[in-house]
Amino acid sequence: RYPQTYFEGGVALAAAEVARVEKQWQEEAMVAVNAVKSAGQLREVKVKPVTVKSDLIAEAIISTAKRNKCDLIVMASHGRRGLKRLLLGSETQQVLTHSHTPVLVLR
């Protein structure tokens, strides 16, 4: 969670850089979302692509899925194990634990 300042490579960013980075992230998110949408449409799966900006990632995913009455949440796993997983936590794990919508995890 980064409430006021974003960090890229451990360096605090100026406001103009924050705006640039957020725009870049939004563009990258749309590329990923559109790729998933296209893959779903090829298989005749109903897909409603959305992007959400939030500091609370797991909560945003769960509330967005609930608000849009999603049948399934699909997420990726980094495959961390052992101590790293315990120390770093996992947005995927939080969604799995707290969501009432089924979650499919891809590794």
N, C-alpha and C. Protein backbone atom coordinates (compact mmCIF):
# COMPACT_ATOMS: atom_id res chain seq x y z
N ARG A 1 0.85 -1.18 0.00
CA ARG A 1 0.00 0.00 0.00
C ARG A 1 0.89 1.23 0.00
N TYR A 2 0.66 2.11 -0.94
CA TYR A 2 1.45 3.32 -1.08
C TYR A 2 0.50 4.52 -1.11
N PRO A 3 0.09 5.03 0.06
CA PRO A 3 -0.99 6.02 0.09
C PRO A 3 -0.71 7.35 -0.59
N GLN A 4 0.49 7.91 -0.49
CA GLN A 4 0.73 9.24 -1.04
C GLN A 4 1.80 9.25 -2.14
N THR A 5 2.76 8.38 -2.06
CA THR A 5 3.89 8.41 -2.97
C THR A 5 4.11 7.02 -3.55
N TYR A 6 4.41 6.98 -4.83
CA TYR A 6 4.75 5.71 -5.45
C TYR A 6 6.26 5.58 -5.47
N PHE A 7 6.72 4.36 -5.43
CA PHE A 7 8.14 4.09 -5.49
C PHE A 7 8.40 3.18 -6.67
N GLU A 8 9.41 3.51 -7.43
CA GLU A 8 9.82 2.66 -8.55
C GLU A 8 11.31 2.42 -8.37
N GLY A 9 11.68 1.19 -8.11
CA GLY A 9 13.09 0.89 -7.90
C GLY A 9 13.62 1.48 -6.60
N GLY A 10 12.75 1.72 -5.63
CA GLY A 10 13.18 2.23 -4.33
C GLY A 10 13.37 3.74 -4.28
N VAL A 11 13.00 4.47 -5.35
CA VAL A 11 13.18 5.91 -5.39
C VAL A 11 11.81 6.59 -5.37
N ALA A 12 11.64 7.56 -4.47
CA ALA A 12 10.38 8.31 -4.43
C ALA A 12 10.24 9.12 -5.71
N LEU A 13 9.03 9.20 -6.24
CA LEU A 13 8.78 9.88 -7.50
C LEU A 13 8.08 11.22 -7.28
N ALA A 14 8.42 12.21 -8.10
CA ALA A 14 7.75 13.51 -8.08
C ALA A 14 6.35 13.35 -8.66
N ALA A 15 5.49 14.33 -8.41
CA ALA A 15 4.09 14.26 -8.85
C ALA A 15 3.96 14.01 -10.35
N ALA A 16 4.78 14.67 -11.15
CA ALA A 16 4.71 14.48 -12.61
C ALA A 16 5.09 13.05 -12.98
N GLU A 17 6.07 12.51 -12.28
CA GLU A 17 6.48 11.13 -12.54
C GLU A 17 5.40 10.14 -12.10
N VAL A 18 4.74 10.44 -10.98
CA VAL A 18 3.64 9.58 -10.52
C VAL A 18 2.57 9.53 -11.60
N ALA A 19 2.22 10.67 -12.16
CA ALA A 19 1.20 10.72 -13.22
C ALA A 19 1.65 9.92 -14.44
N ARG A 20 2.92 10.05 -14.81
CA ARG A 20 3.45 9.31 -15.95
C ARG A 20 3.41 7.80 -15.71
N VAL A 21 3.83 7.40 -14.50
CA VAL A 21 3.84 5.97 -14.16
C VAL A 21 2.42 5.43 -14.12
N GLU A 22 1.49 6.17 -13.52
CA GLU A 22 0.09 5.72 -13.47
C GLU A 22 -0.49 5.57 -14.87
N LYS A 23 -0.17 6.50 -15.76
CA LYS A 23 -0.65 6.40 -17.15
C LYS A 23 -0.07 5.16 -17.82
N GLN A 24 1.22 4.91 -17.59
CA GLN A 24 1.86 3.73 -18.16
C GLN A 24 1.21 2.46 -17.62
N TRP A 25 0.96 2.41 -16.31
CA TRP A 25 0.32 1.24 -15.72
C TRP A 25 -1.08 1.03 -16.30
N GLN A 26 -1.83 2.12 -16.48
CA GLN A 26 -3.18 2.03 -17.05
C GLN A 26 -3.12 1.47 -18.47
N GLU A 27 -2.17 1.96 -19.26
CA GLU A 27 -2.03 1.47 -20.63
C GLU A 27 -1.66 -0.01 -20.65
N GLU A 28 -0.74 -0.42 -19.78
CA GLU A 28 -0.34 -1.82 -19.70
C GLU A 28 -1.51 -2.69 -19.22
N ALA A 29 -2.28 -2.17 -18.28
CA ALA A 29 -3.45 -2.91 -17.79
C ALA A 29 -4.45 -3.12 -18.92
N MET A 30 -4.67 -2.09 -19.73
CA MET A 30 -5.63 -2.22 -20.83
C MET A 30 -5.17 -3.23 -21.87
N VAL A 31 -3.87 -3.30 -22.13
CA VAL A 31 -3.33 -4.31 -23.06
C VAL A 31 -3.64 -5.70 -22.52
N ALA A 32 -3.38 -5.92 -21.23
CA ALA A 32 -3.64 -7.23 -20.63
C ALA A 32 -5.13 -7.55 -20.62
N VAL A 33 -5.94 -6.57 -20.24
CA VAL A 33 -7.39 -6.77 -20.18
C VAL A 33 -7.95 -7.08 -21.56
N ASN A 34 -7.50 -6.36 -22.57
CA ASN A 34 -7.99 -6.61 -23.93
C ASN A 34 -7.55 -7.97 -24.46
N ALA A 35 -6.37 -8.43 -24.07
CA ALA A 35 -5.92 -9.76 -24.47
C ALA A 35 -6.81 -10.84 -23.86
N VAL A 36 -7.15 -10.67 -22.59
CA VAL A 36 -8.05 -11.62 -21.93
C VAL A 36 -9.43 -11.57 -22.56
N LYS A 37 -9.91 -10.38 -22.85
CA LYS A 37 -11.22 -10.23 -23.49
C LYS A 37 -11.25 -10.95 -24.83
N SER A 38 -10.22 -10.75 -25.64
CA SER A 38 -10.15 -11.40 -26.96
C SER A 38 -10.12 -12.92 -26.83
N ALA A 39 -9.33 -13.41 -25.88
CA ALA A 39 -9.24 -14.86 -25.68
C ALA A 39 -10.59 -15.43 -25.26
N GLY A 40 -11.30 -14.73 -24.39
CA GLY A 40 -12.62 -15.18 -23.96
C GLY A 40 -13.62 -15.17 -25.09
N GLN A 41 -13.61 -14.11 -25.88
CA GLN A 41 -14.55 -14.01 -27.00
C GLN A 41 -14.32 -15.10 -28.04
N LEU A 42 -13.07 -15.47 -28.26
CA LEU A 42 -12.77 -16.55 -29.20
C LEU A 42 -13.40 -17.87 -28.76
N ARG A 43 -13.56 -18.01 -27.45
CA ARG A 43 -14.13 -19.25 -26.89
C ARG A 43 -15.58 -19.06 -26.47
N GLU A 44 -16.17 -17.96 -26.90
CA GLU A 44 -17.57 -17.64 -26.62
C GLU A 44 -17.87 -17.55 -25.13
N VAL A 45 -16.91 -17.03 -24.38
CA VAL A 45 -17.08 -16.80 -22.95
C VAL A 45 -17.44 -15.33 -22.76
N LYS A 46 -18.47 -15.07 -21.98
CA LYS A 46 -18.87 -13.69 -21.71
C LYS A 46 -17.82 -13.05 -20.80
N VAL A 47 -17.23 -11.98 -21.29
CA VAL A 47 -16.17 -11.30 -20.56
C VAL A 47 -16.53 -9.82 -20.44
N LYS A 48 -16.39 -9.28 -19.22
CA LYS A 48 -16.60 -7.85 -19.02
C LYS A 48 -15.30 -7.30 -18.43
N PRO A 49 -14.45 -6.74 -19.29
CA PRO A 49 -13.16 -6.24 -18.79
C PRO A 49 -13.33 -4.95 -17.99
N VAL A 50 -12.66 -4.88 -16.85
CA VAL A 50 -12.65 -3.67 -16.04
C VAL A 50 -11.24 -3.46 -15.47
N THR A 51 -10.90 -2.22 -15.22
CA THR A 51 -9.70 -1.91 -14.46
C THR A 51 -10.13 -1.03 -13.30
N VAL A 52 -9.47 -1.21 -12.17
CA VAL A 52 -9.81 -0.46 -10.97
C VAL A 52 -8.50 0.02 -10.33
N LYS A 53 -8.48 1.26 -9.92
CA LYS A 53 -7.31 1.82 -9.23
C LYS A 53 -7.60 1.79 -7.73
N SER A 54 -6.73 1.12 -6.98
CA SER A 54 -6.93 1.01 -5.54
C SER A 54 -5.62 0.66 -4.85
N ASP A 55 -5.46 1.14 -3.63
CA ASP A 55 -4.32 0.74 -2.81
C ASP A 55 -4.57 -0.62 -2.16
N LEU A 56 -5.82 -1.03 -2.08
CA LEU A 56 -6.20 -2.29 -1.44
C LEU A 56 -6.60 -3.28 -2.52
N ILE A 57 -5.62 -3.96 -3.07
CA ILE A 57 -5.80 -4.77 -4.27
C ILE A 57 -6.83 -5.88 -4.07
N ALA A 58 -6.63 -6.72 -3.07
CA ALA A 58 -7.54 -7.85 -2.86
C ALA A 58 -8.97 -7.37 -2.63
N GLU A 59 -9.13 -6.35 -1.80
CA GLU A 59 -10.48 -5.82 -1.54
C GLU A 59 -11.11 -5.27 -2.81
N ALA A 60 -10.32 -4.61 -3.64
CA ALA A 60 -10.84 -4.06 -4.90
C ALA A 60 -11.29 -5.17 -5.84
N ILE A 61 -10.52 -6.24 -5.91
CA ILE A 61 -10.89 -7.37 -6.78
C ILE A 61 -12.19 -7.99 -6.30
N ILE A 62 -12.28 -8.24 -5.00
CA ILE A 62 -13.47 -8.88 -4.44
C ILE A 62 -14.70 -8.00 -4.62
N SER A 63 -14.59 -6.71 -4.30
CA SER A 63 -15.76 -5.83 -4.41
C SER A 63 -16.16 -5.61 -5.86
N THR A 64 -15.20 -5.56 -6.77
CA THR A 64 -15.51 -5.40 -8.19
C THR A 64 -16.21 -6.64 -8.72
N ALA A 65 -15.74 -7.81 -8.33
CA ALA A 65 -16.39 -9.06 -8.75
C ALA A 65 -17.82 -9.13 -8.22
N LYS A 66 -18.01 -8.72 -6.98
CA LYS A 66 -19.36 -8.74 -6.39
C LYS A 66 -20.27 -7.74 -7.09
N ARG A 67 -19.77 -6.52 -7.29
CA ARG A 67 -20.56 -5.46 -7.93
C ARG A 67 -20.97 -5.84 -9.36
N ASN A 68 -20.10 -6.55 -10.07
CA ASN A 68 -20.38 -6.94 -11.45
C ASN A 68 -21.00 -8.33 -11.56
N LYS A 69 -21.31 -8.94 -10.41
CA LYS A 69 -21.94 -10.26 -10.36
C LYS A 69 -21.17 -11.29 -11.19
N CYS A 70 -19.86 -11.31 -10.99
CA CYS A 70 -18.99 -12.23 -11.72
C CYS A 70 -19.21 -13.67 -11.27
N ASP A 71 -19.09 -14.58 -12.22
CA ASP A 71 -19.19 -16.01 -11.92
C ASP A 71 -17.85 -16.58 -11.47
N LEU A 72 -16.76 -15.93 -11.86
CA LEU A 72 -15.43 -16.47 -11.61
C LEU A 72 -14.41 -15.34 -11.60
N ILE A 73 -13.45 -15.44 -10.68
CA ILE A 73 -12.29 -14.55 -10.66
C ILE A 73 -11.10 -15.39 -11.10
N VAL A 74 -10.35 -14.91 -12.08
CA VAL A 74 -9.15 -15.62 -12.54
C VAL A 74 -7.94 -14.77 -12.16
N MET A 75 -6.99 -15.40 -11.45
CA MET A 75 -5.80 -14.68 -10.99
C MET A 75 -4.55 -15.51 -11.25
N ALA A 76 -3.43 -14.83 -11.30
CA ALA A 76 -2.14 -15.49 -11.46
C ALA A 76 -1.48 -15.67 -10.10
N SER A 77 -0.61 -16.67 -10.02
CA SER A 77 0.17 -16.90 -8.82
C SER A 77 1.64 -16.76 -9.18
N HIS A 78 2.40 -16.11 -8.31
CA HIS A 78 3.84 -15.98 -8.55
C HIS A 78 4.57 -17.26 -8.18
N GLY A 79 3.91 -18.16 -7.49
CA GLY A 79 4.53 -19.42 -7.13
C GLY A 79 5.50 -19.32 -5.96
N ARG A 80 5.39 -18.28 -5.16
CA ARG A 80 6.25 -18.17 -3.98
C ARG A 80 5.91 -19.28 -3.00
N ARG A 81 6.92 -19.76 -2.33
CA ARG A 81 6.70 -20.83 -1.36
C ARG A 81 7.43 -20.52 -0.06
N GLY A 82 7.06 -21.26 0.95
CA GLY A 82 7.77 -21.19 2.22
C GLY A 82 7.78 -19.82 2.86
N LEU A 83 8.95 -19.44 3.38
CA LEU A 83 9.10 -18.20 4.14
C LEU A 83 8.80 -16.96 3.30
N LYS A 84 9.21 -16.95 2.03
CA LYS A 84 8.92 -15.79 1.17
C LYS A 84 7.42 -15.54 1.09
N ARG A 85 6.65 -16.61 0.95
CA ARG A 85 5.20 -16.47 0.85
C ARG A 85 4.62 -15.89 2.14
N LEU A 86 5.13 -16.38 3.28
CA LEU A 86 4.64 -15.89 4.57
C LEU A 86 5.01 -14.43 4.80
N LEU A 87 6.22 -14.05 4.43
CA LEU A 87 6.68 -12.69 4.66
C LEU A 87 6.07 -11.68 3.70
N LEU A 88 5.96 -12.06 2.43
CA LEU A 88 5.48 -11.12 1.42
C LEU A 88 3.97 -11.07 1.32
N GLY A 89 3.30 -12.11 1.76
CA GLY A 89 1.85 -12.16 1.61
C GLY A 89 1.48 -12.39 0.16
N SER A 90 0.21 -12.41 -0.12
CA SER A 90 -0.22 -12.68 -1.48
C SER A 90 -1.61 -12.11 -1.68
N GLU A 91 -1.75 -11.27 -2.70
CA GLU A 91 -3.08 -10.75 -3.03
C GLU A 91 -3.98 -11.91 -3.44
N THR A 92 -3.42 -12.85 -4.19
CA THR A 92 -4.19 -14.01 -4.62
C THR A 92 -4.69 -14.79 -3.41
N GLN A 93 -3.84 -14.99 -2.42
CA GLN A 93 -4.23 -15.71 -1.21
C GLN A 93 -5.34 -14.97 -0.47
N GLN A 94 -5.25 -13.65 -0.41
CA GLN A 94 -6.29 -12.87 0.27
C GLN A 94 -7.63 -13.00 -0.46
N VAL A 95 -7.58 -12.96 -1.80
CA VAL A 95 -8.81 -13.10 -2.56
C VAL A 95 -9.38 -14.51 -2.36
N LEU A 96 -8.52 -15.52 -2.42
CA LEU A 96 -8.98 -16.90 -2.19
C LEU A 96 -9.64 -17.04 -0.82
N THR A 97 -9.07 -16.41 0.18
CA THR A 97 -9.55 -16.53 1.55
C THR A 97 -10.86 -15.78 1.79
N HIS A 98 -11.02 -14.62 1.16
CA HIS A 98 -12.14 -13.74 1.52
C HIS A 98 -13.25 -13.63 0.48
N SER A 99 -13.04 -14.11 -0.72
CA SER A 99 -14.05 -13.96 -1.77
C SER A 99 -15.12 -15.04 -1.68
N HIS A 100 -16.36 -14.64 -1.94
CA HIS A 100 -17.45 -15.61 -2.05
C HIS A 100 -17.62 -16.05 -3.50
N THR A 101 -16.94 -15.38 -4.42
CA THR A 101 -16.93 -15.75 -5.83
C THR A 101 -15.83 -16.79 -6.03
N PRO A 102 -16.08 -17.86 -6.79
CA PRO A 102 -15.02 -18.84 -7.05
C PRO A 102 -13.80 -18.18 -7.70
N VAL A 103 -12.61 -18.68 -7.33
CA VAL A 103 -11.36 -18.12 -7.84
C VAL A 103 -10.56 -19.23 -8.52
N LEU A 104 -10.13 -18.97 -9.75
CA LEU A 104 -9.26 -19.88 -10.50
C LEU A 104 -7.87 -19.26 -10.49
N VAL A 105 -6.88 -20.01 -9.97
CA VAL A 105 -5.52 -19.50 -9.87
C VAL A 105 -4.66 -20.19 -10.92
N LEU A 106 -4.01 -19.39 -11.75
CA LEU A 106 -3.12 -19.90 -12.79
C LEU A 106 -1.68 -19.65 -12.38
N ARG A 107 -0.84 -20.64 -12.61
CA ARG A 107 0.57 -20.48 -12.27
C ARG A 107 1.38 -20.44 -13.53
